[in-house]
């Protein structure tokens, strides 16, 4: 691997995804602050956090377990984006871009999981 979780190919994608979700949800209705906004942000941050935490466990088995949790968070995020889109929340171009980032990150987590 590398010296740090930040050296992983997936790492910048997880950060980019979190930033995109924060920007997108900033456009959601204020009454969604404790609903989808909170859920989407938590799921997005969880992807990057689980990869970092798992890497820090210094065990291949533990890392694999945390990458699995990160993958689950990506799938959760993708589901919530579908709901937000159906409700007409957020700018449609930013929504599409965020959905694409989530899909790409999901593929990368799956590939990392298979590699481990």
C-alpha atoms as a PDB file:
ATOM      1  CA  UNK A   1       0.000   0.000   0.000  1.00  0.00           C
ATOM      2  CA  UNK A   2       1.556   3.322   0.890  1.00  0.00           C
ATOM      3  CA  UNK A   3       2.823   5.105   3.926  1.00  0.00           C
ATOM      4  CA  UNK A   4      -0.539   6.721   4.522  1.00  0.00           C
ATOM      5  CA  UNK A   5      -4.207   6.239   3.684  1.00  0.00           C
ATOM      6  CA  UNK A   6      -3.821   9.500   1.769  1.00  0.00           C
ATOM      7  CA  UNK A   7      -1.562   7.662  -0.695  1.00  0.00           C
ATOM      8  CA  UNK A   8      -4.413   5.356  -1.716  1.00  0.00           C
ATOM      9  CA  UNK A   9      -5.810   6.005  -5.195  1.00  0.00           C
ATOM     10  CA  UNK A  10      -9.341   6.087  -3.783  1.00  0.00           C
ATOM     11  CA  UNK A  11      -8.592   8.722  -1.131  1.00  0.00           C
ATOM     12  CA  UNK A  12      -8.949  11.925  -3.214  1.00  0.00           C
ATOM     13  CA  UNK A  13     -12.197  10.573  -4.677  1.00  0.00           C
ATOM     14  CA  UNK A  14     -13.712  10.124  -1.221  1.00  0.00           C
ATOM     15  CA  UNK A  15     -12.827  13.694  -0.273  1.00  0.00           C
ATOM     16  CA  UNK A  16     -14.150  15.028  -3.575  1.00  0.00           C
ATOM     17  CA  UNK A  17     -17.386  13.124  -2.987  1.00  0.00           C
ATOM     18  CA  UNK A  18     -17.804  14.592   0.500  1.00  0.00           C
ATOM     19  CA  UNK A  19     -17.233  18.125  -0.771  1.00  0.00           C
ATOM     20  CA  UNK A  20     -19.696  17.605  -3.639  1.00  0.00           C
ATOM     21  CA  UNK A  21     -22.349  16.305  -1.228  1.00  0.00           C
ATOM     22  CA  UNK A  22     -21.884  19.283   1.099  1.00  0.00           C
ATOM     23  CA  UNK A  23     -22.221  21.716  -1.820  1.00  0.00           C
ATOM     24  CA  UNK A  24     -25.269  19.922  -3.216  1.00  0.00           C
ATOM     25  CA  UNK A  25     -27.071  19.639   0.107  1.00  0.00           C
ATOM     26  CA  UNK A  26     -26.392  23.305   0.811  1.00  0.00           C
ATOM     27  CA  UNK A  27     -29.102  23.922  -1.803  1.00  0.00           C
ATOM     28  CA  UNK A  28     -31.688  21.690  -0.132  1.00  0.00           C
ATOM     29  CA  UNK A  29     -34.676  23.183   1.682  1.00  0.00           C
ATOM     30  CA  UNK A  30     -33.826  24.266   5.225  1.00  0.00           C
ATOM     31  CA  UNK A  31     -36.478  21.963   6.663  1.00  0.00           C
ATOM     32  CA  UNK A  32     -34.362  19.051   5.335  1.00  0.00           C
ATOM     33  CA  UNK A  33     -31.396  20.078   7.490  1.00  0.00           C
ATOM     34  CA  UNK A  34     -32.063  17.210   9.926  1.00  0.00           C
ATOM     35  CA  UNK A  35     -33.415  14.889   7.230  1.00  0.00           C
ATOM     36  CA  UNK A  36     -31.772  14.076   3.920  1.00  0.00           C
ATOM     37  CA  UNK A  37     -29.156  16.814   4.244  1.00  0.00           C
ATOM     38  CA  UNK A  38     -27.814  15.329   7.459  1.00  0.00           C
ATOM     39  CA  UNK A  39     -28.078  11.740   6.203  1.00  0.00           C
ATOM     40  CA  UNK A  40     -26.272  12.462   2.926  1.00  0.00           C
ATOM     41  CA  UNK A  41     -23.488  14.370   4.623  1.00  0.00           C
ATOM     42  CA  UNK A  42     -22.999  11.697   7.258  1.00  0.00           C
ATOM     43  CA  UNK A  43     -22.853   8.929   4.645  1.00  0.00           C
ATOM     44  CA  UNK A  44     -20.391  10.848   2.454  1.00  0.00           C
ATOM     45  CA  UNK A  45     -18.034  11.651   5.325  1.00  0.00           C
ATOM     46  CA  UNK A  46     -18.314   8.051   6.498  1.00  0.00           C
ATOM     47  CA  UNK A  47     -16.802   6.770   3.241  1.00  0.00           C
ATOM     48  CA  UNK A  48     -13.552   8.703   3.686  1.00  0.00           C
ATOM     49  CA  UNK A  49     -13.518   8.188   7.455  1.00  0.00           C
ATOM     50  CA  UNK A  50     -13.899   4.413   7.282  1.00  0.00           C
ATOM     51  CA  UNK A  51     -11.094   4.093   4.750  1.00  0.00           C
ATOM     52  CA  UNK A  52      -8.790   6.201   6.931  1.00  0.00           C
ATOM     53  CA  UNK A  53      -9.748   4.393  10.137  1.00  0.00           C
ATOM     54  CA  UNK A  54      -9.432   0.954   8.578  1.00  0.00           C
ATOM     55  CA  UNK A  55      -6.025   1.781   7.159  1.00  0.00           C
ATOM     56  CA  UNK A  56      -4.945   2.950  10.575  1.00  0.00           C
ATOM     57  CA  UNK A  57      -5.872  -0.379  12.168  1.00  0.00           C
ATOM     58  CA  UNK A  58      -2.665  -1.805  10.658  1.00  0.00           C
ATOM     59  CA  UNK A  59      -4.269  -5.134   9.859  1.00  0.00           C
ATOM     60  CA  UNK A  60      -5.332  -6.305   6.415  1.00  0.00           C
ATOM     61  CA  UNK A  61      -8.414  -7.990   7.863  1.00  0.00           C
ATOM     62  CA  UNK A  62      -9.505  -4.875   9.767  1.00  0.00           C
ATOM     63  CA  UNK A  63      -8.790  -2.680   6.755  1.00  0.00           C
ATOM     64  CA  UNK A  64     -10.947  -4.946   4.605  1.00  0.00           C
ATOM     65  CA  UNK A  65     -13.756  -4.738   7.178  1.00  0.00           C
ATOM     66  CA  UNK A  66     -13.658  -0.929   7.177  1.00  0.00           C
ATOM     67  CA  UNK A  67     -13.495  -0.740   3.372  1.00  0.00           C
ATOM     68  CA  UNK A  68     -16.623  -2.900   3.415  1.00  0.00           C
ATOM     69  CA  UNK A  69     -18.297  -0.368   5.689  1.00  0.00           C
ATOM     70  CA  UNK A  70     -17.161   2.431   3.362  1.00  0.00           C
ATOM     71  CA  UNK A  71     -18.760   0.577   0.462  1.00  0.00           C
ATOM     72  CA  UNK A  72     -21.983   0.287   2.445  1.00  0.00           C
ATOM     73  CA  UNK A  73     -21.908   4.034   3.035  1.00  0.00           C
ATOM     74  CA  UNK A  74     -21.481   4.661  -0.694  1.00  0.00           C
ATOM     75  CA  UNK A  75     -24.534   2.516  -1.431  1.00  0.00           C
ATOM     76  CA  UNK A  76     -26.478   4.328   1.291  1.00  0.00           C
ATOM     77  CA  UNK A  77     -25.425   7.651  -0.232  1.00  0.00           C
ATOM     78  CA  UNK A  78     -26.475   6.556  -3.729  1.00  0.00           C
ATOM     79  CA  UNK A  79     -29.909   5.555  -2.417  1.00  0.00           C
ATOM     80  CA  UNK A  80     -30.352   8.879  -0.654  1.00  0.00           C
ATOM     81  CA  UNK A  81     -29.322  10.767  -3.799  1.00  0.00           C
ATOM     82  CA  UNK A  82     -32.070   8.974  -5.730  1.00  0.00           C
ATOM     83  CA  UNK A  83     -34.611  10.061  -3.130  1.00  0.00           C
ATOM     84  CA  UNK A  84     -33.341  13.656  -3.151  1.00  0.00           C
ATOM     85  CA  UNK A  85     -33.445  13.707  -6.946  1.00  0.00           C
ATOM     86  CA  UNK A  86     -37.003  12.357  -6.990  1.00  0.00           C
ATOM     87  CA  UNK A  87     -37.984  15.135  -4.581  1.00  0.00           C
ATOM     88  CA  UNK A  88     -36.421  17.722  -6.882  1.00  0.00           C
ATOM     89  CA  UNK A  89     -33.784  18.847  -4.372  1.00  0.00           C
ATOM     90  CA  UNK A  90     -30.602  20.564  -5.549  1.00  0.00           C
ATOM     91  CA  UNK A  91     -29.304  21.731  -8.888  1.00  0.00           C
ATOM     92  CA  UNK A  92     -29.759  18.997 -11.500  1.00  0.00           C
ATOM     93  CA  UNK A  93     -26.237  19.374 -12.946  1.00  0.00           C
ATOM     94  CA  UNK A  94     -24.666  19.166  -9.489  1.00  0.00           C
ATOM     95  CA  UNK A  95     -26.905  16.216  -8.668  1.00  0.00           C
ATOM     96  CA  UNK A  96     -25.745  14.349 -11.770  1.00  0.00           C
ATOM     97  CA  UNK A  97     -22.115  15.169 -11.047  1.00  0.00           C
ATOM     98  CA  UNK A  98     -22.462  13.966  -7.443  1.00  0.00           C
ATOM     99  CA  UNK A  99     -24.225  10.782  -8.562  1.00  0.00           C
ATOM    100  CA  UNK A 100     -21.348  10.116 -10.975  1.00  0.00           C
ATOM    101  CA  UNK A 101     -18.775  10.680  -8.237  1.00  0.00           C
ATOM    102  CA  UNK A 102     -20.678   8.316  -5.953  1.00  0.00           C
ATOM    103  CA  UNK A 103     -20.811   5.652  -8.659  1.00  0.00           C
ATOM    104  CA  UNK A 104     -17.099   5.978  -9.397  1.00  0.00           C
ATOM    105  CA  UNK A 105     -16.253   5.859  -5.686  1.00  0.00           C
ATOM    106  CA  UNK A 106     -18.474   2.801  -5.287  1.00  0.00           C
ATOM    107  CA  UNK A 107     -16.606   1.007  -8.053  1.00  0.00           C
ATOM    108  CA  UNK A 108     -13.300   1.952  -6.471  1.00  0.00           C
ATOM    109  CA  UNK A 109     -14.333   0.688  -3.035  1.00  0.00           C
ATOM    110  CA  UNK A 110     -15.475  -2.572  -4.590  1.00  0.00           C
ATOM    111  CA  UNK A 111     -12.150  -2.930  -6.446  1.00  0.00           C
ATOM    112  CA  UNK A 112     -10.191  -2.208  -3.258  1.00  0.00           C
ATOM    113  CA  UNK A 113     -12.307  -4.681  -1.335  1.00  0.00           C
ATOM    114  CA  UNK A 114     -11.627  -7.373  -3.943  1.00  0.00           C
ATOM    115  CA  UNK A 115      -7.907  -6.587  -3.857  1.00  0.00           C
ATOM    116  CA  UNK A 116      -7.810  -7.066  -0.092  1.00  0.00           C
END
